[in-house]
Amino acid sequence: QVKSEFSRRADMNCVVFTAIVYRTQVVAGTMYFIKVQVSDAEYAHLKVFQSLPYENQGPSLVSFQTGKTRDDPLIYF
């Protein structure tokens, strides 16, 4: 659901956009840290916030890191 926002902010046309692994952190909602494959050999780490259900808001892209590899550890940032 955040692919278009990531593509726009990273100025990147993502041929592939596949989540590989994720971690969560509970805050006033849930913060997702997601490793996403964006091309054959390139990956990005996304930080996505999902608010609490009663707020009726979709996920939002908080920040991201590009230039990652499949072997880079997914850490909180």
PDB file of N, CA and C in Angstrom:
ATOM      1  N   GLN A   1       0.806  -1.207   0.000  1.00  0.00           N
ATOM      2  CA  GLN A   1       0.000   0.000   0.000  1.00  0.00           C
ATOM      3  C   GLN A   1       0.844   1.265   0.000  1.00  0.00           C
ATOM      4  N   VAL A   2       2.140   1.153   0.264  1.00  0.00           N
ATOM      5  CA  VAL A   2       2.997   2.337   0.275  1.00  0.00           C
ATOM      6  C   VAL A   2       3.940   2.376  -0.934  1.00  0.00           C
ATOM      7  N   LYS A   3       3.731   1.492  -1.892  1.00  0.00           N
ATOM      8  CA  LYS A   3       4.626   1.411  -3.056  1.00  0.00           C
ATOM      9  C   LYS A   3       4.684   2.726  -3.829  1.00  0.00           C
ATOM     10  N   SER A   4       3.542   3.316  -4.120  1.00  0.00           N
ATOM     11  CA  SER A   4       3.539   4.545  -4.919  1.00  0.00           C
ATOM     12  C   SER A   4       4.230   5.694  -4.178  1.00  0.00           C
ATOM     13  N   GLU A   5       4.011   5.787  -2.871  1.00  0.00           N
ATOM     14  CA  GLU A   5       4.669   6.850  -2.099  1.00  0.00           C
ATOM     15  C   GLU A   5       6.183   6.621  -2.058  1.00  0.00           C
ATOM     16  N   PHE A   6       6.613   5.372  -1.878  1.00  0.00           N
ATOM     17  CA  PHE A   6       8.040   5.066  -1.883  1.00  0.00           C
ATOM     18  C   PHE A   6       8.649   5.401  -3.245  1.00  0.00           C
ATOM     19  N   SER A   7       7.996   4.978  -4.330  1.00  0.00           N
ATOM     20  CA  SER A   7       8.515   5.246  -5.673  1.00  0.00           C
ATOM     21  C   SER A   7       8.675   6.737  -5.919  1.00  0.00           C
ATOM     22  N   ARG A   8       7.702   7.505  -5.473  1.00  0.00           N
ATOM     23  CA  ARG A   8       7.754   8.964  -5.664  1.00  0.00           C
ATOM     24  C   ARG A   8       8.866   9.586  -4.826  1.00  0.00           C
ATOM     25  N   ARG A   9       8.924   9.250  -3.546  1.00  0.00           N
ATOM     26  CA  ARG A   9       9.919   9.865  -2.656  1.00  0.00           C
ATOM     27  C   ARG A   9      11.342   9.416  -2.951  1.00  0.00           C
ATOM     28  N   ALA A  10      11.516   8.168  -3.392  1.00  0.00           N
ATOM     29  CA  ALA A  10      12.855   7.656  -3.700  1.00  0.00           C
ATOM     30  C   ALA A  10      13.251   7.951  -5.141  1.00  0.00           C
ATOM     31  N   ASP A  11      12.307   8.506  -5.912  1.00  0.00           N
ATOM     32  CA  ASP A  11      12.527   8.782  -7.335  1.00  0.00           C
ATOM     33  C   ASP A  11      13.031   7.523  -8.044  1.00  0.00           C
ATOM     34  N   MET A  12      12.262   6.446  -7.858  1.00  0.00           N
ATOM     35  CA  MET A  12      12.658   5.138  -8.343  1.00  0.00           C
ATOM     36  C   MET A  12      11.437   4.449  -8.947  1.00  0.00           C
ATOM     37  N   ASN A  13      11.605   3.881 -10.139  1.00  0.00           N
ATOM     38  CA  ASN A  13      10.542   3.097 -10.750  1.00  0.00           C
ATOM     39  C   ASN A  13      10.766   1.637 -10.370  1.00  0.00           C
ATOM     40  N   CYS A  14       9.977   1.129  -9.463  1.00  0.00           N
ATOM     41  CA  CYS A  14      10.175  -0.222  -8.930  1.00  0.00           C
ATOM     42  C   CYS A  14       9.510  -1.257  -9.828  1.00  0.00           C
ATOM     43  N   VAL A  15      10.335  -2.047 -10.503  1.00  0.00           N
ATOM     44  CA  VAL A  15       9.821  -3.141 -11.324  1.00  0.00           C
ATOM     45  C   VAL A  15       9.319  -4.247 -10.402  1.00  0.00           C
ATOM     46  N   VAL A  16      10.083  -4.495  -9.350  1.00  0.00           N
ATOM     47  CA  VAL A  16       9.738  -5.495  -8.347  1.00  0.00           C
ATOM     48  C   VAL A  16       9.484  -4.739  -7.045  1.00  0.00           C
ATOM     49  N   PHE A  17       8.520  -5.190  -6.259  1.00  0.00           N
ATOM     50  CA  PHE A  17       8.271  -4.590  -4.947  1.00  0.00           C
ATOM     51  C   PHE A  17       7.720  -5.690  -4.051  1.00  0.00           C
ATOM     52  N   THR A  18       8.642  -6.520  -3.531  1.00  0.00           N
ATOM     53  CA  THR A  18       8.271  -7.701  -2.769  1.00  0.00           C
ATOM     54  C   THR A  18       8.852  -7.631  -1.365  1.00  0.00           C
ATOM     55  N   ALA A  19       7.998  -7.747  -0.366  1.00  0.00           N
ATOM     56  CA  ALA A  19       8.462  -7.775   1.020  1.00  0.00           C
ATOM     57  C   ALA A  19       9.159  -9.105   1.277  1.00  0.00           C
ATOM     58  N   ILE A  20      10.355  -9.032   1.863  1.00  0.00           N
ATOM     59  CA  ILE A  20      11.148 -10.226   2.142  1.00  0.00           C
ATOM     60  C   ILE A  20      11.005 -10.627   3.609  1.00  0.00           C
ATOM     61  N   VAL A  21      11.153  -9.663   4.494  1.00  0.00           N
ATOM     62  CA  VAL A  21      11.057  -9.916   5.933  1.00  0.00           C
ATOM     63  C   VAL A  21      10.614  -8.620   6.607  1.00  0.00           C
ATOM     64  N   TYR A  22      10.013  -8.741   7.780  1.00  0.00           N
ATOM     65  CA  TYR A  22       9.611  -7.533   8.506  1.00  0.00           C
ATOM     66  C   TYR A  22       9.755  -7.745   9.998  1.00  0.00           C
ATOM     67  N   ARG A  23       9.804  -6.646  10.715  1.00  0.00           N
ATOM     68  CA  ARG A  23       9.817  -6.614  12.174  1.00  0.00           C
ATOM     69  C   ARG A  23       8.778  -5.582  12.597  1.00  0.00           C
ATOM     70  N   THR A  24       8.312  -5.701  13.816  1.00  0.00           N
ATOM     71  CA  THR A  24       7.330  -4.730  14.303  1.00  0.00           C
ATOM     72  C   THR A  24       7.784  -4.134  15.622  1.00  0.00           C
ATOM     73  N   GLN A  25       7.258  -2.958  15.884  1.00  0.00           N
ATOM     74  CA  GLN A  25       7.478  -2.271  17.151  1.00  0.00           C
ATOM     75  C   GLN A  25       6.139  -1.633  17.517  1.00  0.00           C
ATOM     76  N   VAL A  26       5.635  -1.964  18.689  1.00  0.00           N
ATOM     77  CA  VAL A  26       4.351  -1.425  19.112  1.00  0.00           C
ATOM     78  C   VAL A  26       4.571  -0.057  19.740  1.00  0.00           C
ATOM     79  N   VAL A  27       3.870   0.924  19.194  1.00  0.00           N
ATOM     80  CA  VAL A  27       3.881   2.296  19.710  1.00  0.00           C
ATOM     81  C   VAL A  27       2.411   2.668  19.850  1.00  0.00           C
ATOM     82  N   ALA A  28       2.004   3.871  19.576  1.00  0.00           N
ATOM     83  CA  ALA A  28       0.580   4.220  19.559  1.00  0.00           C
ATOM     84  C   ALA A  28       0.035   3.782  18.206  1.00  0.00           C
ATOM     85  N   GLY A  29       0.123   2.505  17.951  1.00  0.00           N
ATOM     86  CA  GLY A  29      -0.147   1.869  16.671  1.00  0.00           C
ATOM     87  C   GLY A  29       0.963   0.845  16.482  1.00  0.00           C
ATOM     88  N   THR A  30       1.296   0.545  15.261  1.00  0.00           N
ATOM     89  CA  THR A  30       2.378  -0.398  14.990  1.00  0.00           C
ATOM     90  C   THR A  30       3.335   0.192  13.963  1.00  0.00           C
ATOM     91  N   MET A  31       4.625   0.118  14.287  1.00  0.00           N
ATOM     92  CA  MET A  31       5.667   0.540  13.360  1.00  0.00           C
ATOM     93  C   MET A  31       6.219  -0.733  12.713  1.00  0.00           C
ATOM     94  N   TYR A  32       6.191  -0.772  11.394  1.00  0.00           N
ATOM     95  CA  TYR A  32       6.717  -1.916  10.655  1.00  0.00           C
ATOM     96  C   TYR A  32       8.040  -1.526  10.014  1.00  0.00           C
ATOM     97  N   PHE A  33       9.026  -2.390  10.156  1.00  0.00           N
ATOM     98  CA  PHE A  33      10.307  -2.242   9.474  1.00  0.00           C
ATOM     99  C   PHE A  33      10.346  -3.375   8.458  1.00  0.00           C
ATOM    100  N   ILE A  34      10.372  -3.038   7.172  1.00  0.00           N
ATOM    101  CA  ILE A  34      10.180  -4.025   6.118  1.00  0.00           C
ATOM    102  C   ILE A  34      11.340  -3.991   5.137  1.00  0.00           C
ATOM    103  N   LYS A  35      11.922  -5.154   4.865  1.00  0.00           N
ATOM    104  CA  LYS A  35      12.939  -5.272   3.812  1.00  0.00           C
ATOM    105  C   LYS A  35      12.194  -5.609   2.527  1.00  0.00           C
ATOM    106  N   VAL A  36      12.362  -4.759   1.514  1.00  0.00           N
ATOM    107  CA  VAL A  36      11.630  -4.904   0.264  1.00  0.00           C
ATOM    108  C   VAL A  36      12.610  -5.032  -0.899  1.00  0.00           C
ATOM    109  N   GLN A  37      12.367  -6.012  -1.761  1.00  0.00           N
ATOM    110  CA  GLN A  37      13.168  -6.149  -2.982  1.00  0.00           C
ATOM    111  C   GLN A  37      12.582  -5.192  -4.011  1.00  0.00           C
ATOM    112  N   VAL A  38      13.423  -4.267  -4.524  1.00  0.00           N
ATOM    113  CA  VAL A  38      12.946  -3.258  -5.471  1.00  0.00           C
ATOM    114  C   VAL A  38      13.483  -3.466  -6.883  1.00  0.00           C
ATOM    115  N   SER A  39      14.442  -4.375  -7.048  1.00  0.00           N
ATOM    116  CA  SER A  39      14.932  -4.769  -8.374  1.00  0.00           C
ATOM    117  C   SER A  39      15.600  -6.127  -8.207  1.00  0.00           C
ATOM    118  N   ASP A  40      16.208  -6.627  -9.269  1.00  0.00           N
ATOM    119  CA  ASP A  40      16.817  -7.955  -9.199  1.00  0.00           C
ATOM    120  C   ASP A  40      17.838  -8.073  -8.077  1.00  0.00           C
ATOM    121  N   ALA A  41      18.647  -7.038  -7.865  1.00  0.00           N
ATOM    122  CA  ALA A  41      19.716  -7.120  -6.874  1.00  0.00           C
ATOM    123  C   ALA A  41      19.671  -6.012  -5.834  1.00  0.00           C
ATOM    124  N   GLU A  42      18.643  -5.184  -5.857  1.00  0.00           N
ATOM    125  CA  GLU A  42      18.597  -4.043  -4.941  1.00  0.00           C
ATOM    126  C   GLU A  42      17.426  -4.165  -3.972  1.00  0.00           C
ATOM    127  N   TYR A  43      17.692  -3.762  -2.746  1.00  0.00           N
ATOM    128  CA  TYR A  43      16.694  -3.837  -1.680  1.00  0.00           C
ATOM    129  C   TYR A  43      16.599  -2.493  -0.986  1.00  0.00           C
ATOM    130  N   ALA A  44      15.481  -2.279  -0.313  1.00  0.00           N
ATOM    131  CA  ALA A  44      15.283  -1.067   0.484  1.00  0.00           C
ATOM    132  C   ALA A  44      14.675  -1.478   1.814  1.00  0.00           C
ATOM    133  N   HIS A  45      14.950  -0.698   2.846  1.00  0.00           N
ATOM    134  CA  HIS A  45      14.333  -0.898   4.146  1.00  0.00           C
ATOM    135  C   HIS A  45      13.317   0.221   4.341  1.00  0.00           C
ATOM    136  N   LEU A  46      12.086  -0.158   4.633  1.00  0.00           N
ATOM    137  CA  LEU A  46      11.005   0.799   4.810  1.00  0.00           C
ATOM    138  C   LEU A  46      10.554   0.830   6.259  1.00  0.00           C
ATOM    139  N   LYS A  47      10.221   2.006   6.725  1.00  0.00           N
ATOM    140  CA  LYS A  47       9.635   2.194   8.053  1.00  0.00           C
ATOM    141  C   LYS A  47       8.210   2.695   7.817  1.00  0.00           C
ATOM    142  N   VAL A  48       7.239   1.856   8.162  1.00  0.00           N
ATOM    143  CA  VAL A  48       5.835   2.138   7.861  1.00  0.00           C
ATOM    144  C   VAL A  48       5.039   2.158   9.169  1.00  0.00           C
ATOM    145  N   PHE A  49       4.229   3.191   9.346  1.00  0.00           N
ATOM    146  CA  PHE A  49       3.406   3.315  10.550  1.00  0.00           C
ATOM    147  C   PHE A  49       1.961   2.974  10.229  1.00  0.00           C
ATOM    148  N   GLN A  50       1.382   2.091  11.043  1.00  0.00           N
ATOM    149  CA  GLN A  50      -0.041   1.768  10.958  1.00  0.00           C
ATOM    150  C   GLN A  50      -0.686   2.218  12.257  1.00  0.00           C
ATOM    151  N   SER A  51      -1.586   3.194  12.162  1.00  0.00           N
ATOM    152  CA  SER A  51      -2.224   3.722  13.364  1.00  0.00           C
ATOM    153  C   SER A  51      -3.205   2.698  13.941  1.00  0.00           C
ATOM    154  N   LEU A  52      -3.724   3.020  15.098  1.00  0.00           N
ATOM    155  CA  LEU A  52      -4.682   2.130  15.755  1.00  0.00           C
ATOM    156  C   LEU A  52      -5.961   2.017  14.931  1.00  0.00           C
ATOM    157  N   PRO A  53      -6.644   0.872  14.992  1.00  0.00           N
ATOM    158  CA  PRO A  53      -7.812   0.630  14.129  1.00  0.00           C
ATOM    159  C   PRO A  53      -8.916   1.680  14.220  1.00  0.00           C
ATOM    160  N   TYR A  54      -9.174   2.220  15.404  1.00  0.00           N
ATOM    161  CA  TYR A  54     -10.272   3.178  15.534  1.00  0.00           C
ATOM    162  C   TYR A  54      -9.999   4.494  14.806  1.00  0.00           C
ATOM    163  N   GLU A  55      -8.755   4.745  14.418  1.00  0.00           N
ATOM    164  CA  GLU A  55      -8.427   5.989  13.715  1.00  0.00           C
ATOM    165  C   GLU A  55      -8.740   5.913  12.223  1.00  0.00           C
ATOM    166  N   ASN A  56      -9.013   4.713  11.713  1.00  0.00           N
ATOM    167  CA  ASN A  56      -9.405   4.503  10.313  1.00  0.00           C
ATOM    168  C   ASN A  56      -8.453   5.147   9.312  1.00  0.00           C
ATOM    169  N   GLN A  57      -7.157   4.958   9.516  1.00  0.00           N
ATOM    170  CA  GLN A  57      -6.162   5.490   8.581  1.00  0.00           C
ATOM    171  C   GLN A  57      -5.331   4.328   8.062  1.00  0.00           C
ATOM    172  N   GLY A  58      -4.954   4.408   6.803  1.00  0.00           N
ATOM    173  CA  GLY A  58      -4.114   3.372   6.213  1.00  0.00           C
ATOM    174  C   GLY A  58      -2.667   3.530   6.643  1.00  0.00           C
ATOM    175  N   PRO A  59      -1.825   2.626   6.206  1.00  0.00           N
ATOM    176  CA  PRO A  59      -0.400   2.713   6.546  1.00  0.00           C
ATOM    177  C   PRO A  59       0.251   3.916   5.876  1.00  0.00           C
ATOM    178  N   SER A  60       1.257   4.480   6.548  1.00  0.00           N
ATOM    179  CA  SER A  60       1.970   5.615   5.966  1.00  0.00           C
ATOM    180  C   SER A  60       3.476   5.357   6.030  1.00  0.00           C
ATOM    181  N   LEU A  61       4.169   5.736   4.974  1.00  0.00           N
ATOM    182  CA  LEU A  61       5.615   5.576   4.882  1.00  0.00           C
ATOM    183  C   LEU A  61       6.278   6.684   5.693  1.00  0.00           C
ATOM    184  N   VAL A  62       6.994   6.304   6.751  1.00  0.00           N
ATOM    185  CA  VAL A  62       7.652   7.273   7.623  1.00  0.00           C
ATOM    186  C   VAL A  62       9.022   7.623   7.057  1.00  0.00           C
ATOM    187  N   SER A  63       9.825   6.604   6.756  1.00  0.00           N
ATOM    188  CA  SER A  63      11.138   6.819   6.171  1.00  0.00           C
ATOM    189  C   SER A  63      11.596   5.540   5.489  1.00  0.00           C
ATOM    190  N   PHE A  64      12.739   5.634   4.821  1.00  0.00           N
ATOM    191  CA  PHE A  64      13.262   4.473   4.111  1.00  0.00           C
ATOM    192  C   PHE A  64      14.759   4.612   3.931  1.00  0.00           C
ATOM    193  N   GLN A  65      15.408   3.485   3.655  1.00  0.00           N
ATOM    194  CA  GLN A  65      16.836   3.461   3.355  1.00  0.00           C
ATOM    195  C   GLN A  65      17.008   2.642   2.078  1.00  0.00           C
ATOM    196  N   THR A  66      17.694   3.194   1.094  1.00  0.00           N
ATOM    197  CA  THR A  66      17.925   2.480  -0.161  1.00  0.00           C
ATOM    198  C   THR A  66      19.369   1.988  -0.216  1.00  0.00           C
ATOM    199  N   GLY A  67      19.697   1.253  -1.280  1.00  0.00           N
ATOM    200  CA  GLY A  67      21.056   0.770  -1.455  1.00  0.00           C
ATOM    201  C   GLY A  67      21.384  -0.410  -0.556  1.00  0.00           C
ATOM    202  N   LYS A  68      20.387  -1.139  -0.137  1.00  0.00           N
ATOM    203  CA  LYS A  68      20.592  -2.290   0.736  1.00  0.00           C
ATOM    204  C   LYS A  68      20.747  -3.564  -0.097  1.00  0.00           C
ATOM    205  N   THR A  69      21.307  -4.600   0.513  1.00  0.00           N
ATOM    206  CA  THR A  69      21.414  -5.909  -0.128  1.00  0.00           C
ATOM    207  C   THR A  69      20.539  -6.893   0.626  1.00  0.00           C
ATOM    208  N   ARG A  70      20.359  -8.075   0.048  1.00  0.00           N
ATOM    209  CA  ARG A  70      19.539  -9.092   0.705  1.00  0.00           C
ATOM    210  C   ARG A  70      20.136  -9.500   2.057  1.00  0.00           C
ATOM    211  N   ASP A  71      21.437  -9.418   2.194  1.00  0.00           N
ATOM    212  CA  ASP A  71      22.108  -9.854   3.424  1.00  0.00           C
ATOM    213  C   ASP A  71      22.190  -8.783   4.504  1.00  0.00           C
ATOM    214  N   ASP A  72      21.865  -7.535   4.187  1.00  0.00           N
ATOM    215  CA  ASP A  72      21.906  -6.483   5.205  1.00  0.00           C
ATOM    216  C   ASP A  72      20.866  -6.767   6.287  1.00  0.00           C
ATOM    217  N   PRO A  73      21.269  -6.671   7.562  1.00  0.00           N
ATOM    218  CA  PRO A  73      20.310  -6.937   8.635  1.00  0.00           C
ATOM    219  C   PRO A  73      19.241  -5.853   8.697  1.00  0.00           C
ATOM    220  N   LEU A  74      18.030  -6.263   8.985  1.00  0.00           N
ATOM    221  CA  LEU A  74      16.913  -5.326   9.141  1.00  0.00           C
ATOM    222  C   LEU A  74      16.893  -4.876  10.594  1.00  0.00           C
ATOM    223  N   ILE A  75      17.282  -3.614  10.825  1.00  0.00           N
ATOM    224  CA  ILE A  75      17.338  -3.086  12.185  1.00  0.00           C
ATOM    225  C   ILE A  75      16.413  -1.886  12.307  1.00  0.00           C
ATOM    226  N   TYR A  76      16.064  -1.536  13.538  1.00  0.00           N
ATOM    227  CA  TYR A  76      15.242  -0.350  13.765  1.00  0.00           C
ATOM    228  C   TYR A  76      16.017   0.903  13.383  1.00  0.00           C
ATOM    229  N   PHE A  77      15.368   1.824  12.704  1.00  0.00           N
ATOM    230  CA  PHE A  77      16.022   3.089  12.331  1.00  0.00           C
ATOM    231  C   PHE A  77      15.041   4.224  12.458  1.00  0.00           C
TER     232      PHE A  77
END
